[in-house]
């Protein structure tokens, strides 16, 4: 099999060694966290340790961290029935519950809003564009930013925030809704009253343990400047891909972005075609949000930003992580450039 290079970190990240070790340890814990005997208390202790780890990494001391199955479930718990508004560049897990009527400019930035009734992401998964989150937001989607950029729940002054473990080196199938202390939400899953009555169901202690360890490790990486190194490789790669005056556009290049993300638009060269060609060359990339992958359609995010149908169908997302080397980035640039030249030759 061709040596593979994974360049789709915004879709999901490799499992961190710290998370793997914590999960293996949790597998040997027998008790139910709701049981009062010693085995139950041991399981409960793992959950509470992870809750403290996530809160500390997110700067959410004094807030309530409610473990759920994913950021998608967190979005439903936070947004359902609240009459919120959002922009059409929001993840579908959020826009499905909101009136997606807010406009964005050509750079994907949201215009003036009323924070008290708005849900807004800190960073877009497709373009990497970072928003200036106003104080007092009803819901902040921190899923893509948490672990990649400095962010603190307490600084934001928002009511609630969404986060997910598998975006920062934790396992899939576990996320959290962070709630300002004193604020209540109506549970969607009712039963045993777990998670402070916000989300019933026996806790996934294996996933939760992995989430806590991953959050702690991600916070340490951020403090150590690991993502600054990722940004340097991203910038070198971006220049190699579209620095020669070709027709390829790097979306959001002139504004604040995640340190790892490049969104390329090469009009007329369909994104899904690029993904398949790069996959055959040994590189995992995406044509947009992973939750929309496999669907041959234009990017609604790029359409909201003013791109026409052709441009919105011609996007490629490259998202790096700390394990991606400069040599791997150079080899991707070479493979992609060769594929682009073949596309241009066929189109001539």
C-alpha atoms as a PDB file:
ATOM      1  CA  UNK A   1       0.000   0.000   0.000  1.00  0.00           C
ATOM      2  CA  UNK A   2       1.182   3.520  -0.810  1.00  0.00           C
ATOM      3  CA  UNK A   3       2.582   5.388   2.188  1.00  0.00           C
ATOM      4  CA  UNK A   4      -0.244   7.496   3.531  1.00  0.00           C
ATOM      5  CA  UNK A   5      -0.166  11.110   4.741  1.00  0.00           C
ATOM      6  CA  UNK A   6      -3.133  12.256   6.799  1.00  0.00           C
ATOM      7  CA  UNK A   7      -4.108  15.869   6.050  1.00  0.00           C
ATOM      8  CA  UNK A   8      -7.697  15.876   7.330  1.00  0.00           C
ATOM      9  CA  UNK A   9      -7.236  16.865  10.974  1.00  0.00           C
ATOM     10  CA  UNK A  10     -10.351  19.092  10.991  1.00  0.00           C
ATOM     11  CA  UNK A  11     -12.439  15.988  10.303  1.00  0.00           C
ATOM     12  CA  UNK A  12     -10.887  13.986  13.121  1.00  0.00           C
ATOM     13  CA  UNK A  13      -7.498  13.648  14.753  1.00  0.00           C
ATOM     14  CA  UNK A  14      -5.297  10.655  15.531  1.00  0.00           C
ATOM     15  CA  UNK A  15      -5.831   9.326  19.029  1.00  0.00           C
ATOM     16  CA  UNK A  16      -3.281  10.731  21.483  1.00  0.00           C
ATOM     17  CA  UNK A  17      -1.139   8.327  23.467  1.00  0.00           C
ATOM     18  CA  UNK A  18      -2.376   9.976  26.680  1.00  0.00           C
ATOM     19  CA  UNK A  19      -5.997   9.371  25.703  1.00  0.00           C
ATOM     20  CA  UNK A  20      -5.317   5.781  24.717  1.00  0.00           C
ATOM     21  CA  UNK A  21      -3.645   5.067  28.076  1.00  0.00           C
ATOM     22  CA  UNK A  22      -6.501   6.647  30.021  1.00  0.00           C
ATOM     23  CA  UNK A  23      -9.075   4.663  28.064  1.00  0.00           C
ATOM     24  CA  UNK A  24      -7.251   1.367  28.588  1.00  0.00           C
ATOM     25  CA  UNK A  25      -7.134   2.069  32.311  1.00  0.00           C
ATOM     26  CA  UNK A  26     -10.862   2.872  32.367  1.00  0.00           C
ATOM     27  CA  UNK A  27     -11.701  -0.445  30.706  1.00  0.00           C
ATOM     28  CA  UNK A  28     -10.744  -2.236  33.915  1.00  0.00           C
ATOM     29  CA  UNK A  29     -13.123  -0.160  36.060  1.00  0.00           C
ATOM     30  CA  UNK A  30     -16.191  -2.299  36.661  1.00  0.00           C
ATOM     31  CA  UNK A  31     -18.621  -0.058  38.497  1.00  0.00           C
ATOM     32  CA  UNK A  32     -21.492   2.108  37.310  1.00  0.00           C
ATOM     33  CA  UNK A  33     -20.782   5.769  38.203  1.00  0.00           C
ATOM     34  CA  UNK A  34     -24.266   6.027  39.733  1.00  0.00           C
ATOM     35  CA  UNK A  35     -23.686   3.146  42.157  1.00  0.00           C
ATOM     36  CA  UNK A  36     -22.771   3.999  45.747  1.00  0.00           C
ATOM     37  CA  UNK A  37     -20.471   1.040  46.446  1.00  0.00           C
ATOM     38  CA  UNK A  38     -16.685   1.145  46.103  1.00  0.00           C
ATOM     39  CA  UNK A  39     -16.726   0.018  42.481  1.00  0.00           C
ATOM     40  CA  UNK A  40     -19.268   2.683  41.591  1.00  0.00           C
ATOM     41  CA  UNK A  41     -17.295   5.349  43.415  1.00  0.00           C
ATOM     42  CA  UNK A  42     -14.164   4.358  41.468  1.00  0.00           C
ATOM     43  CA  UNK A  43     -16.023   4.830  38.177  1.00  0.00           C
ATOM     44  CA  UNK A  44     -17.479   8.129  39.387  1.00  0.00           C
ATOM     45  CA  UNK A  45     -13.993   9.296  40.312  1.00  0.00           C
ATOM     46  CA  UNK A  46     -12.813   8.756  36.726  1.00  0.00           C
ATOM     47  CA  UNK A  47     -15.705  10.798  35.374  1.00  0.00           C
ATOM     48  CA  UNK A  48     -15.089  13.657  37.792  1.00  0.00           C
ATOM     49  CA  UNK A  49     -11.353  13.668  37.098  1.00  0.00           C
ATOM     50  CA  UNK A  50     -12.043  14.014  33.377  1.00  0.00           C
ATOM     51  CA  UNK A  51     -14.629  16.714  34.029  1.00  0.00           C
ATOM     52  CA  UNK A  52     -12.010  18.718  35.921  1.00  0.00           C
ATOM     53  CA  UNK A  53      -9.421  18.147  33.171  1.00  0.00           C
ATOM     54  CA  UNK A  54     -11.756  19.381  30.444  1.00  0.00           C
ATOM     55  CA  UNK A  55     -12.857  22.393  32.498  1.00  0.00           C
ATOM     56  CA  UNK A  56      -9.266  23.395  33.231  1.00  0.00           C
ATOM     57  CA  UNK A  57      -8.160  23.036  29.604  1.00  0.00           C
ATOM     58  CA  UNK A  58     -11.110  25.110  28.411  1.00  0.00           C
ATOM     59  CA  UNK A  59     -10.810  27.788  31.070  1.00  0.00           C
ATOM     60  CA  UNK A  60     -14.247  26.846  32.364  1.00  0.00           C
ATOM     61  CA  UNK A  61     -13.639  26.636  36.092  1.00  0.00           C
ATOM     62  CA  UNK A  62     -16.925  27.234  37.859  1.00  0.00           C
ATOM     63  CA  UNK A  63     -18.988  26.157  34.843  1.00  0.00           C
ATOM     64  CA  UNK A  64     -20.856  22.891  34.410  1.00  0.00           C
ATOM     65  CA  UNK A  65     -19.295  20.404  31.971  1.00  0.00           C
ATOM     66  CA  UNK A  66     -22.008  18.014  30.800  1.00  0.00           C
ATOM     67  CA  UNK A  67     -20.728  14.953  28.956  1.00  0.00           C
ATOM     68  CA  UNK A  68     -22.729  13.929  25.890  1.00  0.00           C
ATOM     69  CA  UNK A  69     -22.131  11.696  22.885  1.00  0.00           C
ATOM     70  CA  UNK A  70     -20.838  14.413  20.543  1.00  0.00           C
ATOM     71  CA  UNK A  71     -20.786  18.122  19.785  1.00  0.00           C
ATOM     72  CA  UNK A  72     -23.845  17.428  17.616  1.00  0.00           C
ATOM     73  CA  UNK A  73     -25.795  16.246  20.648  1.00  0.00           C
ATOM     74  CA  UNK A  74     -24.446  19.196  22.621  1.00  0.00           C
ATOM     75  CA  UNK A  75     -25.777  21.530  19.901  1.00  0.00           C
ATOM     76  CA  UNK A  76     -29.228  19.978  20.126  1.00  0.00           C
ATOM     77  CA  UNK A  77     -29.245  20.256  23.919  1.00  0.00           C
ATOM     78  CA  UNK A  78     -28.106  23.887  23.774  1.00  0.00           C
ATOM     79  CA  UNK A  79     -30.163  25.174  20.852  1.00  0.00           C
ATOM     80  CA  UNK A  80     -33.438  23.254  20.655  1.00  0.00           C
ATOM     81  CA  UNK A  81     -36.494  25.408  21.256  1.00  0.00           C
ATOM     82  CA  UNK A  82     -34.569  28.608  22.035  1.00  0.00           C
ATOM     83  CA  UNK A  83     -35.382  30.574  18.875  1.00  0.00           C
ATOM     84  CA  UNK A  84     -31.740  31.316  18.106  1.00  0.00           C
ATOM     85  CA  UNK A  85     -30.259  32.782  14.942  1.00  0.00           C
ATOM     86  CA  UNK A  86     -26.962  31.968  13.247  1.00  0.00           C
ATOM     87  CA  UNK A  87     -25.099  32.427   9.983  1.00  0.00           C
ATOM     88  CA  UNK A  88     -25.256  29.879   7.178  1.00  0.00           C
ATOM     89  CA  UNK A  89     -21.535  29.180   7.630  1.00  0.00           C
ATOM     90  CA  UNK A  90     -22.286  27.447  10.927  1.00  0.00           C
ATOM     91  CA  UNK A  91     -21.955  23.684  11.173  1.00  0.00           C
ATOM     92  CA  UNK A  92     -25.186  21.932  10.239  1.00  0.00           C
ATOM     93  CA  UNK A  93     -25.468  20.545  13.767  1.00  0.00           C
ATOM     94  CA  UNK A  94     -26.086  24.144  14.878  1.00  0.00           C
ATOM     95  CA  UNK A  95     -27.871  25.637  11.857  1.00  0.00           C
ATOM     96  CA  UNK A  96     -30.434  22.795  11.973  1.00  0.00           C
ATOM     97  CA  UNK A  97     -31.778  24.298  15.228  1.00  0.00           C
ATOM     98  CA  UNK A  98     -31.491  27.989  14.310  1.00  0.00           C
ATOM     99  CA  UNK A  99     -32.760  30.539  11.847  1.00  0.00           C
ATOM    100  CA  UNK A 100     -29.705  30.746   9.584  1.00  0.00           C
ATOM    101  CA  UNK A 101     -30.387  34.291   8.466  1.00  0.00           C
ATOM    102  CA  UNK A 102     -27.248  36.169   9.506  1.00  0.00           C
ATOM    103  CA  UNK A 103     -25.060  37.429   6.672  1.00  0.00           C
ATOM    104  CA  UNK A 104     -21.305  36.990   6.325  1.00  0.00           C
ATOM    105  CA  UNK A 105     -18.846  38.976   4.239  1.00  0.00           C
ATOM    106  CA  UNK A 106     -16.514  37.659   1.542  1.00  0.00           C
ATOM    107  CA  UNK A 107     -14.053  36.581   4.233  1.00  0.00           C
ATOM    108  CA  UNK A 108     -16.713  34.553   6.055  1.00  0.00           C
ATOM    109  CA  UNK A 109     -16.980  36.960   8.955  1.00  0.00           C
ATOM    110  CA  UNK A 110     -20.355  37.508  10.604  1.00  0.00           C
ATOM    111  CA  UNK A 111     -21.766  41.040  10.657  1.00  0.00           C
ATOM    112  CA  UNK A 112     -23.249  42.842  13.680  1.00  0.00           C
ATOM    113  CA  UNK A 113     -25.522  40.647  15.791  1.00  0.00           C
ATOM    114  CA  UNK A 114     -27.536  40.463  18.980  1.00  0.00           C
ATOM    115  CA  UNK A 115     -25.384  38.040  21.007  1.00  0.00           C
ATOM    116  CA  UNK A 116     -28.142  37.082  23.425  1.00  0.00           C
ATOM    117  CA  UNK A 117     -30.034  35.162  20.735  1.00  0.00           C
ATOM    118  CA  UNK A 118     -27.136  34.007  18.535  1.00  0.00           C
ATOM    119  CA  UNK A 119     -25.180  30.793  18.106  1.00  0.00           C
ATOM    120  CA  UNK A 120     -21.723  31.305  16.575  1.00  0.00           C
ATOM    121  CA  UNK A 121     -18.661  29.188  15.896  1.00  0.00           C
ATOM    122  CA  UNK A 122     -15.199  30.323  16.877  1.00  0.00           C
ATOM    123  CA  UNK A 123     -13.712  28.785  13.721  1.00  0.00           C
ATOM    124  CA  UNK A 124     -15.123  27.297  10.552  1.00  0.00           C
ATOM    125  CA  UNK A 125     -14.244  23.684   9.854  1.00  0.00           C
ATOM    126  CA  UNK A 126     -14.091  24.154   6.072  1.00  0.00           C
ATOM    127  CA  UNK A 127     -12.227  27.446   5.740  1.00  0.00           C
ATOM    128  CA  UNK A 128     -10.533  27.808   9.121  1.00  0.00           C
ATOM    129  CA  UNK A 129     -11.849  31.384   9.354  1.00  0.00           C
ATOM    130  CA  UNK A 130     -11.854  32.575  12.977  1.00  0.00           C
ATOM    131  CA  UNK A 131     -14.629  34.804  14.288  1.00  0.00           C
ATOM    132  CA  UNK A 132     -14.370  37.540  16.892  1.00  0.00           C
ATOM    133  CA  UNK A 133     -16.876  36.141  19.357  1.00  0.00           C
ATOM    134  CA  UNK A 134     -18.761  38.919  21.132  1.00  0.00           C
ATOM    135  CA  UNK A 135     -19.410  38.815  24.857  1.00  0.00           C
ATOM    136  CA  UNK A 136     -22.687  37.313  25.957  1.00  0.00           C
ATOM    137  CA  UNK A 137     -23.318  34.849  23.131  1.00  0.00           C
ATOM    138  CA  UNK A 138     -26.139  32.406  23.736  1.00  0.00           C
ATOM    139  CA  UNK A 139     -24.115  29.506  22.282  1.00  0.00           C
ATOM    140  CA  UNK A 140     -20.463  29.368  21.264  1.00  0.00           C
ATOM    141  CA  UNK A 141     -19.371  26.456  19.077  1.00  0.00           C
ATOM    142  CA  UNK A 142     -15.756  25.970  20.148  1.00  0.00           C
ATOM    143  CA  UNK A 143     -15.382  22.562  18.519  1.00  0.00           C
ATOM    144  CA  UNK A 144     -12.744  23.462  15.928  1.00  0.00           C
ATOM    145  CA  UNK A 145     -10.864  26.010  18.031  1.00  0.00           C
ATOM    146  CA  UNK A 146     -10.523  24.102  21.308  1.00  0.00           C
ATOM    147  CA  UNK A 147      -6.981  22.751  21.452  1.00  0.00           C
ATOM    148  CA  UNK A 148      -5.722  24.621  18.369  1.00  0.00           C
ATOM    149  CA  UNK A 149      -5.930  28.221  19.568  1.00  0.00           C
ATOM    150  CA  UNK A 150      -6.180  30.075  22.880  1.00  0.00           C
ATOM    151  CA  UNK A 151      -9.778  30.077  24.057  1.00  0.00           C
ATOM    152  CA  UNK A 152     -11.363  30.280  27.482  1.00  0.00           C
ATOM    153  CA  UNK A 153     -15.033  29.796  28.257  1.00  0.00           C
ATOM    154  CA  UNK A 154     -14.888  32.200  31.191  1.00  0.00           C
ATOM    155  CA  UNK A 155     -13.414  34.989  29.037  1.00  0.00           C
ATOM    156  CA  UNK A 156     -16.170  34.663  26.472  1.00  0.00           C
ATOM    157  CA  UNK A 157     -18.989  35.294  28.890  1.00  0.00           C
ATOM    158  CA  UNK A 158     -21.294  33.052  26.864  1.00  0.00           C
ATOM    159  CA  UNK A 159     -24.169  30.963  28.151  1.00  0.00           C
ATOM    160  CA  UNK A 160     -23.090  27.647  26.647  1.00  0.00           C
ATOM    161  CA  UNK A 161     -20.321  26.146  24.533  1.00  0.00           C
ATOM    162  CA  UNK A 162     -19.956  23.006  22.415  1.00  0.00           C
ATOM    163  CA  UNK A 163     -16.802  20.867  22.330  1.00  0.00           C
ATOM    164  CA  UNK A 164     -15.807  17.429  21.017  1.00  0.00           C
ATOM    165  CA  UNK A 165     -13.054  15.008  22.026  1.00  0.00           C
ATOM    166  CA  UNK A 166     -12.059  13.679  18.620  1.00  0.00           C
ATOM    167  CA  UNK A 167     -11.071  17.117  17.335  1.00  0.00           C
ATOM    168  CA  UNK A 168      -8.144  17.307  19.810  1.00  0.00           C
ATOM    169  CA  UNK A 169      -6.788  13.795  19.975  1.00  0.00           C
ATOM    170  CA  UNK A 170      -9.508  12.153  22.028  1.00  0.00           C
ATOM    171  CA  UNK A 171     -11.861   9.326  21.063  1.00  0.00           C
ATOM    172  CA  UNK A 172     -14.874   9.619  18.806  1.00  0.00           C
ATOM    173  CA  UNK A 173     -18.322   9.406  20.356  1.00  0.00           C
ATOM    174  CA  UNK A 174     -17.822  11.761  23.294  1.00  0.00           C
ATOM    175  CA  UNK A 175     -18.355  15.510  23.572  1.00  0.00           C
ATOM    176  CA  UNK A 176     -19.539  18.050  26.091  1.00  0.00           C
ATOM    177  CA  UNK A 177     -21.863  20.969  26.580  1.00  0.00           C
ATOM    178  CA  UNK A 178     -20.339  23.579  28.878  1.00  0.00           C
ATOM    179  CA  UNK A 179     -22.967  25.594  30.722  1.00  0.00           C
ATOM    180  CA  UNK A 180     -22.599  28.823  32.678  1.00  0.00           C
ATOM    181  CA  UNK A 181     -23.188  28.005  36.343  1.00  0.00           C
ATOM    182  CA  UNK A 182     -26.772  28.778  37.351  1.00  0.00           C
ATOM    183  CA  UNK A 183     -28.205  28.385  33.837  1.00  0.00           C
ATOM    184  CA  UNK A 184     -30.510  25.455  33.198  1.00  0.00           C
ATOM    185  CA  UNK A 185     -31.386  23.488  30.074  1.00  0.00           C
ATOM    186  CA  UNK A 186     -34.204  21.070  29.418  1.00  0.00           C
ATOM    187  CA  UNK A 187     -32.825  17.535  29.020  1.00  0.00           C
ATOM    188  CA  UNK A 188     -33.548  15.778  25.754  1.00  0.00           C
ATOM    189  CA  UNK A 189     -32.708  12.371  27.184  1.00  0.00           C
ATOM    190  CA  UNK A 190     -34.673  11.705  30.369  1.00  0.00           C
ATOM    191  CA  UNK A 191     -34.276   8.833  32.769  1.00  0.00           C
ATOM    192  CA  UNK A 192     -31.825   8.335  35.581  1.00  0.00           C
ATOM    193  CA  UNK A 193     -30.838  11.965  36.008  1.00  0.00           C
ATOM    194  CA  UNK A 194     -27.140  11.556  35.236  1.00  0.00           C
ATOM    195  CA  UNK A 195     -24.945  14.557  34.348  1.00  0.00           C
ATOM    196  CA  UNK A 196     -26.622  16.870  36.842  1.00  0.00           C
ATOM    197  CA  UNK A 197     -30.030  16.034  35.376  1.00  0.00           C
ATOM    198  CA  UNK A 198     -29.092  17.423  31.958  1.00  0.00           C
ATOM    199  CA  UNK A 199     -28.409  14.142  30.109  1.00  0.00           C
ATOM    200  CA  UNK A 200     -29.695  10.772  31.306  1.00  0.00           C
ATOM    201  CA  UNK A 201     -27.935   7.510  30.523  1.00  0.00           C
ATOM    202  CA  UNK A 202     -25.019   5.646  32.045  1.00  0.00           C
ATOM    203  CA  UNK A 203     -21.856   7.605  31.400  1.00  0.00           C
ATOM    204  CA  UNK A 204     -19.360   6.410  28.772  1.00  0.00           C
ATOM    205  CA  UNK A 205     -16.488   6.320  31.243  1.00  0.00           C
ATOM    206  CA  UNK A 206     -13.986   4.985  28.696  1.00  0.00           C
ATOM    207  CA  UNK A 207     -14.663   7.826  26.291  1.00  0.00           C
ATOM    208  CA  UNK A 208     -14.863  10.383  29.079  1.00  0.00           C
ATOM    209  CA  UNK A 209     -11.488   9.302  30.498  1.00  0.00           C
ATOM    210  CA  UNK A 210      -9.953   9.636  27.033  1.00  0.00           C
ATOM    211  CA  UNK A 211     -11.526  13.065  26.575  1.00  0.00           C
ATOM    212  CA  UNK A 212     -10.088  14.344  29.844  1.00  0.00           C
ATOM    213  CA  UNK A 213      -6.574  13.101  29.089  1.00  0.00           C
ATOM    214  CA  UNK A 214      -6.693  14.478  25.540  1.00  0.00           C
ATOM    215  CA  UNK A 215      -7.885  17.889  26.713  1.00  0.00           C
ATOM    216  CA  UNK A 216      -5.083  18.116  29.259  1.00  0.00           C
ATOM    217  CA  UNK A 217      -2.462  17.110  26.678  1.00  0.00           C
ATOM    218  CA  UNK A 218      -3.886  19.500  24.067  1.00  0.00           C
ATOM    219  CA  UNK A 219      -3.683  22.373  26.514  1.00  0.00           C
ATOM    220  CA  UNK A 220      -0.061  21.546  27.202  1.00  0.00           C
ATOM    221  CA  UNK A 221       0.742  21.459  23.471  1.00  0.00           C
ATOM    222  CA  UNK A 222      -0.861  24.849  23.008  1.00  0.00           C
ATOM    223  CA  UNK A 223       1.179  26.346  25.835  1.00  0.00           C
ATOM    224  CA  UNK A 224       4.338  24.823  24.368  1.00  0.00           C
ATOM    225  CA  UNK A 225       3.784  26.499  20.989  1.00  0.00           C
ATOM    226  CA  UNK A 226       3.230  23.274  19.057  1.00  0.00           C
ATOM    227  CA  UNK A 227       0.590  24.871  16.831  1.00  0.00           C
ATOM    228  CA  UNK A 228       2.922  27.732  15.928  1.00  0.00           C
ATOM    229  CA  UNK A 229       5.073  25.117  14.216  1.00  0.00           C
ATOM    230  CA  UNK A 230       2.009  23.757  12.424  1.00  0.00           C
ATOM    231  CA  UNK A 231       1.205  27.260  11.163  1.00  0.00           C
ATOM    232  CA  UNK A 232       4.729  27.608   9.737  1.00  0.00           C
ATOM    233  CA  UNK A 233       4.351  24.432   7.696  1.00  0.00           C
ATOM    234  CA  UNK A 234       0.840  25.487   6.659  1.00  0.00           C
ATOM    235  CA  UNK A 235       2.164  28.798   5.330  1.00  0.00           C
ATOM    236  CA  UNK A 236       4.967  27.121   3.368  1.00  0.00           C
ATOM    237  CA  UNK A 237       2.498  24.649   1.870  1.00  0.00           C
ATOM    238  CA  UNK A 238      -0.002  27.364   1.022  1.00  0.00           C
ATOM    239  CA  UNK A 239       2.598  29.351  -0.871  1.00  0.00           C
ATOM    240  CA  UNK A 240       3.639  26.252  -2.808  1.00  0.00           C
ATOM    241  CA  UNK A 241       0.032  25.571  -3.806  1.00  0.00           C
ATOM    242  CA  UNK A 242      -1.085  29.020  -4.881  1.00  0.00           C
ATOM    243  CA  UNK A 243       1.898  31.373  -4.731  1.00  0.00           C
ATOM    244  CA  UNK A 244       2.770  31.235  -8.410  1.00  0.00           C
ATOM    245  CA  UNK A 245      -0.048  33.409  -9.670  1.00  0.00           C
ATOM    246  CA  UNK A 246      -2.301  30.528 -10.754  1.00  0.00           C
ATOM    247  CA  UNK A 247      -6.084  30.703 -10.637  1.00  0.00           C
ATOM    248  CA  UNK A 248      -6.325  28.914  -7.283  1.00  0.00           C
ATOM    249  CA  UNK A 249      -7.740  30.972  -4.407  1.00  0.00           C
ATOM    250  CA  UNK A 250      -6.851  30.399  -0.764  1.00  0.00           C
ATOM    251  CA  UNK A 251     -10.051  31.203   1.107  1.00  0.00           C
ATOM    252  CA  UNK A 252      -9.670  33.382   4.198  1.00  0.00           C
ATOM    253  CA  UNK A 253      -5.928  33.809   3.685  1.00  0.00           C
ATOM    254  CA  UNK A 254      -5.936  37.502   4.573  1.00  0.00           C
ATOM    255  CA  UNK A 255      -7.796  37.193   7.868  1.00  0.00           C
ATOM    256  CA  UNK A 256      -7.557  35.277  11.138  1.00  0.00           C
ATOM    257  CA  UNK A 257      -7.615  31.510  10.593  1.00  0.00           C
ATOM    258  CA  UNK A 258      -6.907  28.318  12.408  1.00  0.00           C
ATOM    259  CA  UNK A 259      -3.163  27.604  12.301  1.00  0.00           C
ATOM    260  CA  UNK A 260      -3.596  24.358  10.375  1.00  0.00           C
ATOM    261  CA  UNK A 261      -6.203  25.008   7.672  1.00  0.00           C
ATOM    262  CA  UNK A 262      -6.016  25.743   3.945  1.00  0.00           C
ATOM    263  CA  UNK A 263      -9.181  25.957   1.849  1.00  0.00           C
ATOM    264  CA  UNK A 264      -8.373  26.075  -1.871  1.00  0.00           C
ATOM    265  CA  UNK A 265     -10.785  26.946  -4.655  1.00  0.00           C
ATOM    266  CA  UNK A 266      -9.669  26.096  -8.192  1.00  0.00           C
ATOM    267  CA  UNK A 267     -12.704  27.035 -10.322  1.00  0.00           C
ATOM    268  CA  UNK A 268     -13.795  24.218 -12.595  1.00  0.00           C
ATOM    269  CA  UNK A 269     -11.812  21.467 -10.855  1.00  0.00           C
ATOM    270  CA  UNK A 270     -14.377  19.726  -8.699  1.00  0.00           C
ATOM    271  CA  UNK A 271     -13.460  19.216  -5.078  1.00  0.00           C
ATOM    272  CA  UNK A 272     -14.497  15.566  -4.980  1.00  0.00           C
ATOM    273  CA  UNK A 273     -12.314  14.893  -8.028  1.00  0.00           C
ATOM    274  CA  UNK A 274      -9.331  16.413  -6.241  1.00  0.00           C
ATOM    275  CA  UNK A 275     -10.040  14.338  -3.138  1.00  0.00           C
ATOM    276  CA  UNK A 276     -10.083  11.106  -5.150  1.00  0.00           C
ATOM    277  CA  UNK A 277      -6.915  11.996  -7.055  1.00  0.00           C
ATOM    278  CA  UNK A 278      -5.059  12.870  -3.876  1.00  0.00           C
ATOM    279  CA  UNK A 279      -6.339   9.720  -2.172  1.00  0.00           C
ATOM    280  CA  UNK A 280      -4.859   7.632  -4.979  1.00  0.00           C
ATOM    281  CA  UNK A 281      -1.598   9.546  -4.531  1.00  0.00           C
ATOM    282  CA  UNK A 282      -1.541   8.634  -0.820  1.00  0.00           C
ATOM    283  CA  UNK A 283      -2.966  11.784   0.795  1.00  0.00           C
ATOM    284  CA  UNK A 284      -6.145  12.090   2.881  1.00  0.00           C
ATOM    285  CA  UNK A 285      -7.822  15.461   2.317  1.00  0.00           C
ATOM    286  CA  UNK A 286     -11.418  16.663   2.162  1.00  0.00           C
ATOM    287  CA  UNK A 287     -13.787  18.634  -0.019  1.00  0.00           C
ATOM    288  CA  UNK A 288     -15.387  20.243   3.045  1.00  0.00           C
ATOM    289  CA  UNK A 289     -16.906  19.334   6.387  1.00  0.00           C
ATOM    290  CA  UNK A 290     -16.580  15.631   7.148  1.00  0.00           C
ATOM    291  CA  UNK A 291     -20.255  15.576   8.084  1.00  0.00           C
ATOM    292  CA  UNK A 292     -21.043  16.448   4.449  1.00  0.00           C
ATOM    293  CA  UNK A 293     -18.491  14.139   2.842  1.00  0.00           C
ATOM    294  CA  UNK A 294     -19.712  11.589   0.347  1.00  0.00           C
ATOM    295  CA  UNK A 295     -22.331  14.050  -0.856  1.00  0.00           C
ATOM    296  CA  UNK A 296     -21.621  15.519  -4.277  1.00  0.00           C
ATOM    297  CA  UNK A 297     -22.742  19.060  -3.755  1.00  0.00           C
ATOM    298  CA  UNK A 298     -21.439  22.570  -3.546  1.00  0.00           C
ATOM    299  CA  UNK A 299     -20.276  24.072  -0.269  1.00  0.00           C
ATOM    300  CA  UNK A 300     -23.020  26.088   1.386  1.00  0.00           C
ATOM    301  CA  UNK A 301     -20.293  27.811   3.411  1.00  0.00           C
ATOM    302  CA  UNK A 302     -18.603  29.132   0.278  1.00  0.00           C
ATOM    303  CA  UNK A 303     -21.962  30.052  -1.251  1.00  0.00           C
ATOM    304  CA  UNK A 304     -22.738  32.109   1.854  1.00  0.00           C
ATOM    305  CA  UNK A 305     -19.377  33.821   1.388  1.00  0.00           C
ATOM    306  CA  UNK A 306     -20.334  34.895  -2.141  1.00  0.00           C
ATOM    307  CA  UNK A 307     -18.720  32.207  -4.295  1.00  0.00           C
ATOM    308  CA  UNK A 308     -20.684  31.152  -7.364  1.00  0.00           C
ATOM    309  CA  UNK A 309     -21.834  27.584  -7.992  1.00  0.00           C
ATOM    310  CA  UNK A 310     -18.680  26.641  -9.883  1.00  0.00           C
ATOM    311  CA  UNK A 311     -16.370  28.002  -7.190  1.00  0.00           C
ATOM    312  CA  UNK A 312     -18.378  26.467  -4.362  1.00  0.00           C
ATOM    313  CA  UNK A 313     -18.099  23.069  -6.049  1.00  0.00           C
ATOM    314  CA  UNK A 314     -14.333  23.367  -6.517  1.00  0.00           C
ATOM    315  CA  UNK A 315     -13.081  23.522  -2.936  1.00  0.00           C
ATOM    316  CA  UNK A 316     -10.389  21.394  -1.321  1.00  0.00           C
ATOM    317  CA  UNK A 317      -9.669  21.477   2.415  1.00  0.00           C
ATOM    318  CA  UNK A 318      -6.234  20.605   3.714  1.00  0.00           C
ATOM    319  CA  UNK A 319      -5.943  20.500   7.502  1.00  0.00           C
ATOM    320  CA  UNK A 320      -2.650  19.724   9.197  1.00  0.00           C
ATOM    321  CA  UNK A 321      -1.652  18.591  12.652  1.00  0.00           C
ATOM    322  CA  UNK A 322       1.490  18.402  14.785  1.00  0.00           C
ATOM    323  CA  UNK A 323       2.477  15.050  13.282  1.00  0.00           C
ATOM    324  CA  UNK A 324       2.630  16.418   9.714  1.00  0.00           C
ATOM    325  CA  UNK A 325       6.206  17.107   8.588  1.00  0.00           C
ATOM    326  CA  UNK A 326       7.529  19.628   6.092  1.00  0.00           C
ATOM    327  CA  UNK A 327       8.630  16.763   3.862  1.00  0.00           C
ATOM    328  CA  UNK A 328       5.092  15.386   3.789  1.00  0.00           C
ATOM    329  CA  UNK A 329       3.731  18.847   2.987  1.00  0.00           C
ATOM    330  CA  UNK A 330       6.266  19.233   0.165  1.00  0.00           C
ATOM    331  CA  UNK A 331       5.309  15.860  -1.286  1.00  0.00           C
ATOM    332  CA  UNK A 332       1.635  16.806  -1.169  1.00  0.00           C
ATOM    333  CA  UNK A 333       2.350  20.092  -2.949  1.00  0.00           C
ATOM    334  CA  UNK A 334       4.199  18.205  -5.679  1.00  0.00           C
ATOM    335  CA  UNK A 335       1.408  15.637  -6.146  1.00  0.00           C
ATOM    336  CA  UNK A 336      -1.359  18.253  -6.127  1.00  0.00           C
ATOM    337  CA  UNK A 337       0.469  20.540  -8.568  1.00  0.00           C
ATOM    338  CA  UNK A 338       0.990  17.651 -11.004  1.00  0.00           C
ATOM    339  CA  UNK A 339      -2.715  16.787 -10.780  1.00  0.00           C
ATOM    340  CA  UNK A 340      -3.651  20.429 -11.364  1.00  0.00           C
ATOM    341  CA  UNK A 341      -1.460  20.588 -14.459  1.00  0.00           C
ATOM    342  CA  UNK A 342      -3.135  17.459 -15.823  1.00  0.00           C
ATOM    343  CA  UNK A 343      -6.540  19.020 -15.156  1.00  0.00           C
ATOM    344  CA  UNK A 344      -5.528  22.199 -16.990  1.00  0.00           C
ATOM    345  CA  UNK A 345      -4.196  20.188 -19.942  1.00  0.00           C
ATOM    346  CA  UNK A 346      -7.485  18.284 -20.251  1.00  0.00           C
ATOM    347  CA  UNK A 347      -9.490  21.502 -19.967  1.00  0.00           C
ATOM    348  CA  UNK A 348      -7.489  23.354 -22.639  1.00  0.00           C
END
